[in-house]
Amino acid sequence: MKTERDEQFHDFVVARRAGLVRTATLLTAGDAHLAEDLVQSTLTKLYVAWPAFQRADNPDGYLRRVLVNALTDERRRWWRRRERPMAEVPDRAAAETGPGDLEEGLRAALSQLPPRMRAALVFRYFYDLDVADTADALGCSEGTVKSQTARALDRLRTVIGQNPSFALR
């Protein structure tokens, strides 16, 4: 038997899941599998805390915070530290290059950033959040957001400058 809470949560998931996946994909620098894992973790945590979420003054901020916390938790898992990401999976043919090169270059450059710096850039520039809302999402001070954003942009410039294949045309 479906409760009112279950129906509300179902409606929420139907309306917001695509946006959550898009945000998680940006936060993971294009790792679609990890992004799906993050969204599932986020939705699980949100379901457990559904009454608190509904009472939140800023539900979008609450949701961003849960997503960032899920990313932080995921990065702390011991097996994640032992994984060796590869540019190409050995049993697949190399992908053809084309118009997606710009997007791939940006993803590759973003993958060089630590998760918190990447999150600061995503919230500040992709979602156009102000410093206060970004600080709320990351659970840090506004000064930390400013310094993380500045450092992240400097690092991106360095990475892009050192590797011509990252060039953003």
N, C-alpha and C. Protein backbone atom coordinates (compact mmCIF):
# COMPACT_ATOMS: atom_id res chain seq x y z
N MET A 1 0.84 -1.18 0.00
CA MET A 1 0.00 0.00 0.00
C MET A 1 0.88 1.25 0.00
N LYS A 2 0.65 2.12 -0.95
CA LYS A 2 1.42 3.34 -1.08
C LYS A 2 0.91 4.40 -0.12
N THR A 3 1.84 4.99 0.63
CA THR A 3 1.47 6.05 1.56
C THR A 3 1.54 7.40 0.85
N GLU A 4 1.04 8.42 1.49
CA GLU A 4 1.12 9.77 0.94
C GLU A 4 2.57 10.19 0.76
N ARG A 5 3.41 9.82 1.74
CA ARG A 5 4.85 10.13 1.67
C ARG A 5 5.47 9.48 0.44
N ASP A 6 5.13 8.21 0.19
CA ASP A 6 5.66 7.51 -0.98
C ASP A 6 5.24 8.18 -2.28
N GLU A 7 4.00 8.62 -2.35
CA GLU A 7 3.52 9.30 -3.55
C GLU A 7 4.23 10.63 -3.75
N GLN A 8 4.42 11.39 -2.67
CA GLN A 8 5.13 12.66 -2.76
C GLN A 8 6.56 12.44 -3.23
N PHE A 9 7.21 11.44 -2.64
CA PHE A 9 8.60 11.17 -3.01
C PHE A 9 8.68 10.70 -4.46
N HIS A 10 7.76 9.87 -4.89
CA HIS A 10 7.73 9.39 -6.27
C HIS A 10 7.59 10.57 -7.23
N ASP A 11 6.67 11.47 -6.94
CA ASP A 11 6.48 12.66 -7.78
C ASP A 11 7.75 13.51 -7.83
N PHE A 12 8.39 13.64 -6.69
CA PHE A 12 9.64 14.39 -6.62
C PHE A 12 10.70 13.75 -7.51
N VAL A 13 10.87 12.44 -7.41
CA VAL A 13 11.88 11.74 -8.20
C VAL A 13 11.60 11.89 -9.69
N VAL A 14 10.36 11.72 -10.08
CA VAL A 14 10.00 11.85 -11.50
C VAL A 14 10.35 13.26 -12.00
N ALA A 15 10.08 14.27 -11.19
CA ALA A 15 10.32 15.65 -11.61
C ALA A 15 11.79 16.05 -11.56
N ARG A 16 12.58 15.52 -10.63
CA ARG A 16 13.92 16.05 -10.39
C ARG A 16 15.08 15.13 -10.75
N ARG A 17 14.83 13.86 -11.04
CA ARG A 17 15.92 12.90 -11.25
C ARG A 17 16.84 13.30 -12.39
N ALA A 18 16.29 13.72 -13.52
CA ALA A 18 17.13 14.08 -14.67
C ALA A 18 18.08 15.22 -14.32
N GLY A 19 17.60 16.21 -13.62
CA GLY A 19 18.46 17.32 -13.20
C GLY A 19 19.53 16.87 -12.22
N LEU A 20 19.18 15.95 -11.33
CA LEU A 20 20.16 15.41 -10.38
C LEU A 20 21.26 14.65 -11.12
N VAL A 21 20.88 13.86 -12.10
CA VAL A 21 21.87 13.11 -12.88
C VAL A 21 22.79 14.07 -13.63
N ARG A 22 22.23 15.12 -14.19
CA ARG A 22 23.04 16.12 -14.91
C ARG A 22 24.05 16.78 -13.95
N THR A 23 23.59 17.17 -12.77
CA THR A 23 24.48 17.78 -11.79
C THR A 23 25.54 16.79 -11.33
N ALA A 24 25.14 15.57 -11.04
CA ALA A 24 26.10 14.54 -10.59
C ALA A 24 27.12 14.25 -11.67
N THR A 25 26.71 14.26 -12.92
CA THR A 25 27.65 14.03 -14.02
C THR A 25 28.70 15.14 -14.07
N LEU A 26 28.28 16.36 -13.85
CA LEU A 26 29.24 17.47 -13.80
C LEU A 26 30.16 17.33 -12.59
N LEU A 27 29.60 16.97 -11.45
CA LEU A 27 30.42 16.84 -10.24
C LEU A 27 31.44 15.72 -10.34
N THR A 28 31.16 14.72 -11.17
CA THR A 28 32.08 13.59 -11.32
C THR A 28 32.92 13.72 -12.59
N ALA A 29 32.92 14.89 -13.19
CA ALA A 29 33.69 15.17 -14.41
C ALA A 29 33.34 14.19 -15.52
N GLY A 30 32.06 13.89 -15.65
CA GLY A 30 31.60 13.08 -16.77
C GLY A 30 31.52 11.59 -16.52
N ASP A 31 31.78 11.13 -15.32
CA ASP A 31 31.70 9.70 -15.01
C ASP A 31 30.22 9.34 -14.80
N ALA A 32 29.59 8.85 -15.87
CA ALA A 32 28.14 8.58 -15.84
C ALA A 32 27.77 7.51 -14.83
N HIS A 33 28.62 6.50 -14.68
CA HIS A 33 28.32 5.43 -13.74
C HIS A 33 28.36 5.92 -12.30
N LEU A 34 29.40 6.68 -11.98
CA LEU A 34 29.50 7.24 -10.64
C LEU A 34 28.36 8.23 -10.39
N ALA A 35 28.01 8.99 -11.41
CA ALA A 35 26.90 9.95 -11.28
C ALA A 35 25.61 9.23 -10.93
N GLU A 36 25.33 8.12 -11.59
CA GLU A 36 24.12 7.34 -11.28
C GLU A 36 24.17 6.83 -9.84
N ASP A 37 25.35 6.36 -9.41
CA ASP A 37 25.51 5.89 -8.03
C ASP A 37 25.23 7.02 -7.04
N LEU A 38 25.75 8.21 -7.34
CA LEU A 38 25.54 9.36 -6.46
C LEU A 38 24.07 9.73 -6.36
N VAL A 39 23.39 9.70 -7.49
CA VAL A 39 21.97 10.04 -7.48
C VAL A 39 21.19 9.02 -6.66
N GLN A 40 21.51 7.76 -6.82
CA GLN A 40 20.82 6.73 -6.03
C GLN A 40 21.08 6.92 -4.53
N SER A 41 22.34 7.20 -4.16
CA SER A 41 22.66 7.45 -2.75
C SER A 41 21.92 8.68 -2.24
N THR A 42 21.89 9.71 -3.05
CA THR A 42 21.21 10.95 -2.68
C THR A 42 19.71 10.70 -2.47
N LEU A 43 19.10 9.99 -3.40
CA LEU A 43 17.67 9.73 -3.28
C LEU A 43 17.36 8.84 -2.07
N THR A 44 18.23 7.89 -1.79
CA THR A 44 18.04 7.03 -0.61
C THR A 44 18.09 7.86 0.66
N LYS A 45 19.11 8.72 0.77
CA LYS A 45 19.24 9.57 1.95
C LYS A 45 18.08 10.54 2.06
N LEU A 46 17.64 11.04 0.92
CA LEU A 46 16.54 11.98 0.91
C LEU A 46 15.23 11.31 1.34
N TYR A 47 15.01 10.08 0.91
CA TYR A 47 13.80 9.38 1.31
C TYR A 47 13.76 9.19 2.83
N VAL A 48 14.91 8.82 3.39
CA VAL A 48 14.98 8.63 4.84
C VAL A 48 14.70 9.94 5.57
N ALA A 49 15.19 11.04 5.02
CA ALA A 49 15.03 12.35 5.66
C ALA A 49 13.90 13.16 5.03
N TRP A 50 12.96 12.51 4.38
CA TRP A 50 11.90 13.22 3.66
C TRP A 50 11.17 14.26 4.49
N PRO A 51 10.77 13.97 5.73
CA PRO A 51 10.08 15.01 6.52
C PRO A 51 10.96 16.26 6.73
N ALA A 52 12.24 16.06 6.98
CA ALA A 52 13.14 17.20 7.17
C ALA A 52 13.29 17.98 5.87
N PHE A 53 13.37 17.27 4.75
CA PHE A 53 13.48 17.92 3.45
C PHE A 53 12.26 18.79 3.19
N GLN A 54 11.08 18.28 3.50
CA GLN A 54 9.86 19.04 3.26
C GLN A 54 9.76 20.29 4.14
N ARG A 55 10.39 20.24 5.31
CA ARG A 55 10.37 21.40 6.22
C ARG A 55 11.49 22.39 5.92
N ALA A 56 12.41 22.04 5.06
CA ALA A 56 13.58 22.88 4.79
C ALA A 56 13.16 24.23 4.20
N ASP A 57 13.84 25.27 4.66
CA ASP A 57 13.58 26.61 4.12
C ASP A 57 14.02 26.71 2.67
N ASN A 58 15.10 25.99 2.33
CA ASN A 58 15.66 26.03 0.99
C ASN A 58 15.82 24.59 0.48
N PRO A 59 14.76 24.01 -0.07
CA PRO A 59 14.84 22.61 -0.49
C PRO A 59 15.91 22.35 -1.55
N ASP A 60 16.12 23.30 -2.47
CA ASP A 60 17.17 23.10 -3.49
C ASP A 60 18.55 23.07 -2.85
N GLY A 61 18.77 23.94 -1.87
CA GLY A 61 20.04 23.94 -1.15
C GLY A 61 20.24 22.65 -0.37
N TYR A 62 19.17 22.17 0.24
CA TYR A 62 19.20 20.90 0.98
C TYR A 62 19.59 19.77 0.03
N LEU A 63 18.97 19.74 -1.14
CA LEU A 63 19.24 18.70 -2.13
C LEU A 63 20.69 18.76 -2.62
N ARG A 64 21.19 19.96 -2.90
CA ARG A 64 22.59 20.10 -3.34
C ARG A 64 23.54 19.61 -2.26
N ARG A 65 23.24 19.93 -1.02
CA ARG A 65 24.09 19.52 0.10
C ARG A 65 24.14 18.00 0.23
N VAL A 66 22.99 17.34 0.10
CA VAL A 66 22.94 15.88 0.18
C VAL A 66 23.76 15.27 -0.97
N LEU A 67 23.66 15.86 -2.16
CA LEU A 67 24.40 15.36 -3.31
C LEU A 67 25.91 15.51 -3.11
N VAL A 68 26.35 16.66 -2.62
CA VAL A 68 27.77 16.87 -2.36
C VAL A 68 28.27 15.93 -1.27
N ASN A 69 27.47 15.74 -0.23
CA ASN A 69 27.86 14.81 0.83
C ASN A 69 27.97 13.38 0.29
N ALA A 70 27.08 13.01 -0.62
CA ALA A 70 27.17 11.67 -1.22
C ALA A 70 28.45 11.53 -2.02
N LEU A 71 28.84 12.59 -2.73
CA LEU A 71 30.10 12.57 -3.49
C LEU A 71 31.28 12.43 -2.54
N THR A 72 31.28 13.19 -1.46
CA THR A 72 32.36 13.11 -0.48
C THR A 72 32.43 11.72 0.13
N ASP A 73 31.29 11.16 0.50
CA ASP A 73 31.26 9.81 1.05
C ASP A 73 31.80 8.79 0.06
N GLU A 74 31.42 8.95 -1.20
CA GLU A 74 31.85 8.00 -2.24
C GLU A 74 33.37 8.05 -2.44
N ARG A 75 33.93 9.23 -2.41
CA ARG A 75 35.37 9.39 -2.60
C ARG A 75 36.17 8.83 -1.42
N ARG A 76 35.53 8.68 -0.28
CA ARG A 76 36.23 8.15 0.90
C ARG A 76 36.23 6.62 0.96
N ARG A 77 35.44 5.99 0.14
CA ARG A 77 35.36 4.52 0.17
C ARG A 77 36.72 3.93 -0.19
N TRP A 78 37.15 2.94 0.57
CA TRP A 78 38.49 2.38 0.37
C TRP A 78 38.65 1.78 -1.01
N TRP A 79 37.64 1.13 -1.55
CA TRP A 79 37.81 0.51 -2.86
C TRP A 79 37.88 1.55 -3.96
N ARG A 80 37.33 2.72 -3.74
CA ARG A 80 37.41 3.79 -4.73
C ARG A 80 38.85 4.29 -4.86
N ARG A 81 39.57 4.30 -3.74
CA ARG A 81 40.96 4.76 -3.77
C ARG A 81 41.86 3.78 -4.51
N ARG A 82 41.45 2.52 -4.61
CA ARG A 82 42.26 1.51 -5.27
C ARG A 82 41.91 1.37 -6.75
N GLU A 83 40.83 2.00 -7.19
CA GLU A 83 40.45 1.93 -8.60
C GLU A 83 41.46 2.68 -9.44
N ARG A 84 41.68 2.20 -10.63
CA ARG A 84 42.58 2.86 -11.57
C ARG A 84 41.78 3.29 -12.79
N PRO A 85 41.36 4.56 -12.85
CA PRO A 85 40.59 4.99 -14.02
C PRO A 85 41.46 4.96 -15.27
N MET A 86 40.86 4.59 -16.38
CA MET A 86 41.57 4.52 -17.65
C MET A 86 40.87 5.42 -18.66
N ALA A 87 41.66 6.01 -19.54
CA ALA A 87 41.08 6.88 -20.56
C ALA A 87 40.21 6.07 -21.51
N GLU A 88 40.64 4.87 -21.86
CA GLU A 88 39.89 4.01 -22.76
C GLU A 88 39.82 2.61 -22.17
N VAL A 89 38.67 2.00 -22.27
CA VAL A 89 38.52 0.63 -21.81
C VAL A 89 39.18 -0.26 -22.86
N PRO A 90 40.10 -1.16 -22.46
CA PRO A 90 40.87 -1.92 -23.43
C PRO A 90 40.07 -2.79 -24.40
N ASP A 91 38.90 -3.27 -24.00
CA ASP A 91 38.16 -4.16 -24.89
C ASP A 91 37.20 -3.44 -25.83
N ARG A 92 37.31 -2.14 -25.94
CA ARG A 92 36.46 -1.36 -26.84
C ARG A 92 37.32 -0.68 -27.89
N ALA A 93 36.72 -0.48 -29.04
CA ALA A 93 37.42 0.27 -30.09
C ALA A 93 37.47 1.74 -29.70
N ALA A 94 38.51 2.42 -30.16
CA ALA A 94 38.65 3.84 -29.85
C ALA A 94 37.52 4.63 -30.50
N ALA A 95 37.00 5.59 -29.77
CA ALA A 95 35.91 6.42 -30.28
C ALA A 95 36.45 7.39 -31.32
N GLU A 96 35.61 7.69 -32.30
CA GLU A 96 36.00 8.66 -33.30
C GLU A 96 35.95 10.05 -32.69
N THR A 97 36.84 10.92 -33.13
CA THR A 97 36.80 12.29 -32.64
C THR A 97 35.82 13.08 -33.48
N GLY A 98 35.27 14.11 -32.90
CA GLY A 98 34.28 14.89 -33.63
C GLY A 98 33.87 16.10 -32.84
N PRO A 99 32.63 16.53 -33.03
CA PRO A 99 32.17 17.75 -32.38
C PRO A 99 32.17 17.67 -30.86
N GLY A 100 32.16 16.48 -30.28
CA GLY A 100 32.16 16.33 -28.84
C GLY A 100 33.52 16.56 -28.21
N ASP A 101 34.55 16.90 -29.02
CA ASP A 101 35.89 17.09 -28.49
C ASP A 101 35.95 18.19 -27.44
N LEU A 102 35.23 19.27 -27.66
CA LEU A 102 35.22 20.37 -26.69
C LEU A 102 34.70 19.87 -25.35
N GLU A 103 33.58 19.16 -25.38
CA GLU A 103 33.00 18.64 -24.14
C GLU A 103 33.96 17.66 -23.48
N GLU A 104 34.58 16.79 -24.27
CA GLU A 104 35.52 15.82 -23.72
C GLU A 104 36.74 16.52 -23.13
N GLY A 105 37.22 17.57 -23.80
CA GLY A 105 38.36 18.33 -23.29
C GLY A 105 38.04 18.98 -21.95
N LEU A 106 36.85 19.53 -21.85
CA LEU A 106 36.43 20.16 -20.60
C LEU A 106 36.30 19.11 -19.50
N ARG A 107 35.69 17.97 -19.82
CA ARG A 107 35.57 16.90 -18.82
C ARG A 107 36.93 16.42 -18.37
N ALA A 108 37.84 16.24 -19.31
CA ALA A 108 39.18 15.78 -18.96
C ALA A 108 39.88 16.80 -18.06
N ALA A 109 39.73 18.07 -18.38
CA ALA A 109 40.35 19.11 -17.55
C ALA A 109 39.70 19.14 -16.17
N LEU A 110 38.38 19.04 -16.11
CA LEU A 110 37.68 19.03 -14.82
C LEU A 110 38.07 17.82 -13.97
N SER A 111 38.35 16.71 -14.63
CA SER A 111 38.71 15.50 -13.87
C SER A 111 40.05 15.65 -13.16
N GLN A 112 40.82 16.64 -13.53
CA GLN A 112 42.11 16.91 -12.88
C GLN A 112 41.94 17.66 -11.56
N LEU A 113 40.72 18.14 -11.28
CA LEU A 113 40.46 18.90 -10.06
C LEU A 113 39.96 17.98 -8.95
N PRO A 114 40.30 18.31 -7.71
CA PRO A 114 39.71 17.58 -6.58
C PRO A 114 38.19 17.81 -6.55
N PRO A 115 37.43 16.88 -6.00
CA PRO A 115 35.96 16.99 -6.02
C PRO A 115 35.39 18.29 -5.46
N ARG A 116 35.96 18.82 -4.39
CA ARG A 116 35.39 20.04 -3.79
C ARG A 116 35.61 21.25 -4.70
N MET A 117 36.78 21.32 -5.33
CA MET A 117 37.03 22.42 -6.27
C MET A 117 36.08 22.31 -7.47
N ARG A 118 35.93 21.10 -7.96
CA ARG A 118 35.04 20.87 -9.10
C ARG A 118 33.61 21.26 -8.73
N ALA A 119 33.18 20.88 -7.52
CA ALA A 119 31.83 21.22 -7.07
C ALA A 119 31.66 22.74 -6.97
N ALA A 120 32.68 23.43 -6.48
CA ALA A 120 32.59 24.89 -6.39
C ALA A 120 32.40 25.50 -7.77
N LEU A 121 33.15 25.01 -8.76
CA LEU A 121 33.00 25.53 -10.13
C LEU A 121 31.63 25.20 -10.71
N VAL A 122 31.18 23.98 -10.51
CA VAL A 122 29.88 23.57 -11.06
C VAL A 122 28.76 24.43 -10.50
N PHE A 123 28.74 24.61 -9.18
CA PHE A 123 27.66 25.39 -8.58
C PHE A 123 27.77 26.88 -8.92
N ARG A 124 28.99 27.40 -8.94
CA ARG A 124 29.15 28.83 -9.22
C ARG A 124 28.90 29.17 -10.69
N TYR A 125 29.43 28.38 -11.61
CA TYR A 125 29.39 28.77 -13.02
C TYR A 125 28.37 28.02 -13.86
N PHE A 126 28.13 26.76 -13.60
CA PHE A 126 27.13 26.05 -14.38
C PHE A 126 25.72 26.38 -13.89
N TYR A 127 25.55 26.40 -12.57
CA TYR A 127 24.23 26.71 -12.00
C TYR A 127 24.09 28.17 -11.62
N ASP A 128 25.14 28.94 -11.76
CA ASP A 128 25.12 30.38 -11.50
C ASP A 128 24.61 30.71 -10.09
N LEU A 129 25.04 29.89 -9.11
CA LEU A 129 24.69 30.18 -7.72
C LEU A 129 25.61 31.27 -7.20
N ASP A 130 25.11 32.06 -6.27
CA ASP A 130 25.98 33.04 -5.66
C ASP A 130 26.89 32.35 -4.64
N VAL A 131 27.81 33.11 -4.08
CA VAL A 131 28.79 32.56 -3.16
C VAL A 131 28.11 31.96 -1.92
N ALA A 132 27.10 32.63 -1.40
CA ALA A 132 26.41 32.15 -0.19
C ALA A 132 25.71 30.81 -0.44
N ASP A 133 25.02 30.68 -1.57
CA ASP A 133 24.33 29.42 -1.87
C ASP A 133 25.33 28.29 -2.14
N THR A 134 26.43 28.61 -2.78
CA THR A 134 27.47 27.60 -3.02
C THR A 134 28.08 27.16 -1.69
N ALA A 135 28.33 28.10 -0.80
CA ALA A 135 28.86 27.76 0.53
C ALA A 135 27.90 26.86 1.27
N ASP A 136 26.61 27.15 1.16
CA ASP A 136 25.60 26.32 1.81
C ASP A 136 25.62 24.90 1.24
N ALA A 137 25.72 24.79 -0.08
CA ALA A 137 25.74 23.47 -0.72
C ALA A 137 26.98 22.66 -0.33
N LEU A 138 28.11 23.34 -0.19
CA LEU A 138 29.36 22.65 0.13
C LEU A 138 29.59 22.52 1.63
N GLY A 139 28.80 23.21 2.42
CA GLY A 139 28.97 23.14 3.87
C GLY A 139 30.25 23.80 4.34
N CYS A 140 30.54 24.97 3.77
CA CYS A 140 31.76 25.68 4.13
C CYS A 140 31.48 27.18 4.17
N SER A 141 32.51 27.96 4.46
CA SER A 141 32.33 29.41 4.53
C SER A 141 32.38 30.02 3.13
N GLU A 142 31.90 31.24 3.03
CA GLU A 142 31.94 31.95 1.75
C GLU A 142 33.38 32.20 1.31
N GLY A 143 34.25 32.46 2.26
CA GLY A 143 35.67 32.67 1.93
C GLY A 143 36.29 31.41 1.32
N THR A 144 35.88 30.25 1.83
CA THR A 144 36.39 29.00 1.28
C THR A 144 35.90 28.81 -0.15
N VAL A 145 34.65 29.16 -0.41
CA VAL A 145 34.13 29.06 -1.78
C VAL A 145 34.95 29.95 -2.71
N LYS A 146 35.22 31.18 -2.28
CA LYS A 146 36.00 32.10 -3.12
C LYS A 146 37.39 31.56 -3.38
N SER A 147 38.05 31.05 -2.36
CA SER A 147 39.42 30.54 -2.56
C SER A 147 39.42 29.25 -3.38
N GLN A 148 38.45 28.36 -3.14
CA GLN A 148 38.38 27.12 -3.91
C GLN A 148 38.09 27.41 -5.38
N THR A 149 37.22 28.37 -5.63
CA THR A 149 36.90 28.74 -7.01
C THR A 149 38.12 29.34 -7.71
N ALA A 150 38.80 30.24 -7.04
CA ALA A 150 39.98 30.86 -7.64
C ALA A 150 41.07 29.82 -7.91
N ARG A 151 41.32 28.94 -6.95
CA ARG A 151 42.32 27.90 -7.14
C ARG A 151 41.93 26.94 -8.26
N ALA A 152 40.65 26.60 -8.31
CA ALA A 152 40.18 25.68 -9.35
C ALA A 152 40.36 26.30 -10.74
N LEU A 153 40.03 27.58 -10.88
CA LEU A 153 40.20 28.23 -12.18
C LEU A 153 41.68 28.30 -12.56
N ASP A 154 42.55 28.60 -11.59
CA ASP A 154 43.99 28.61 -11.87
C ASP A 154 44.47 27.24 -12.32
N ARG A 155 44.01 26.20 -11.62
CA ARG A 155 44.40 24.83 -12.00
C ARG A 155 43.90 24.46 -13.38
N LEU A 156 42.67 24.83 -13.69
CA LEU A 156 42.13 24.55 -15.02
C LEU A 156 42.95 25.24 -16.10
N ARG A 157 43.30 26.49 -15.85
CA ARG A 157 44.12 27.21 -16.82
C ARG A 157 45.47 26.52 -17.02
N THR A 158 46.05 26.04 -15.93
CA THR A 158 47.34 25.34 -16.02
C THR A 158 47.20 24.03 -16.78
N VAL A 159 46.18 23.24 -16.44
CA VAL A 159 45.97 21.95 -17.10
C VAL A 159 45.71 22.15 -18.58
N ILE A 160 44.87 23.11 -18.91
CA ILE A 160 44.54 23.36 -20.31
C ILE A 160 45.77 23.87 -21.06
N GLY A 161 46.55 24.72 -20.40
CA GLY A 161 47.75 25.26 -21.03
C GLY A 161 48.84 24.21 -21.25
N GLN A 162 48.93 23.22 -20.35
CA GLN A 162 49.96 22.19 -20.45
C GLN A 162 49.64 21.11 -21.46
N ASN A 163 48.38 20.90 -21.71
CA ASN A 163 47.98 19.81 -22.58
C ASN A 163 47.12 20.33 -23.71
N PRO A 164 47.68 20.44 -24.91
CA PRO A 164 46.93 20.99 -26.03
C PRO A 164 45.67 20.18 -26.38
N SER A 165 45.62 18.90 -26.00
CA SER A 165 44.43 18.11 -26.31
C SER A 165 43.23 18.55 -25.46
N PHE A 166 43.48 19.33 -24.38
CA PHE A 166 42.41 19.87 -23.56
C PHE A 166 41.92 21.22 -24.07
N ALA A 167 42.53 21.71 -25.10
CA ALA A 167 42.24 23.06 -25.58
C ALA A 167 40.74 23.23 -25.79
N LEU A 168 40.22 24.29 -25.24
CA LEU A 168 38.80 24.60 -25.36
C LEU A 168 38.66 25.63 -26.47
N ARG A 169 38.29 25.18 -27.64
CA ARG A 169 38.21 26.05 -28.82
C ARG A 169 37.06 26.99 -28.73
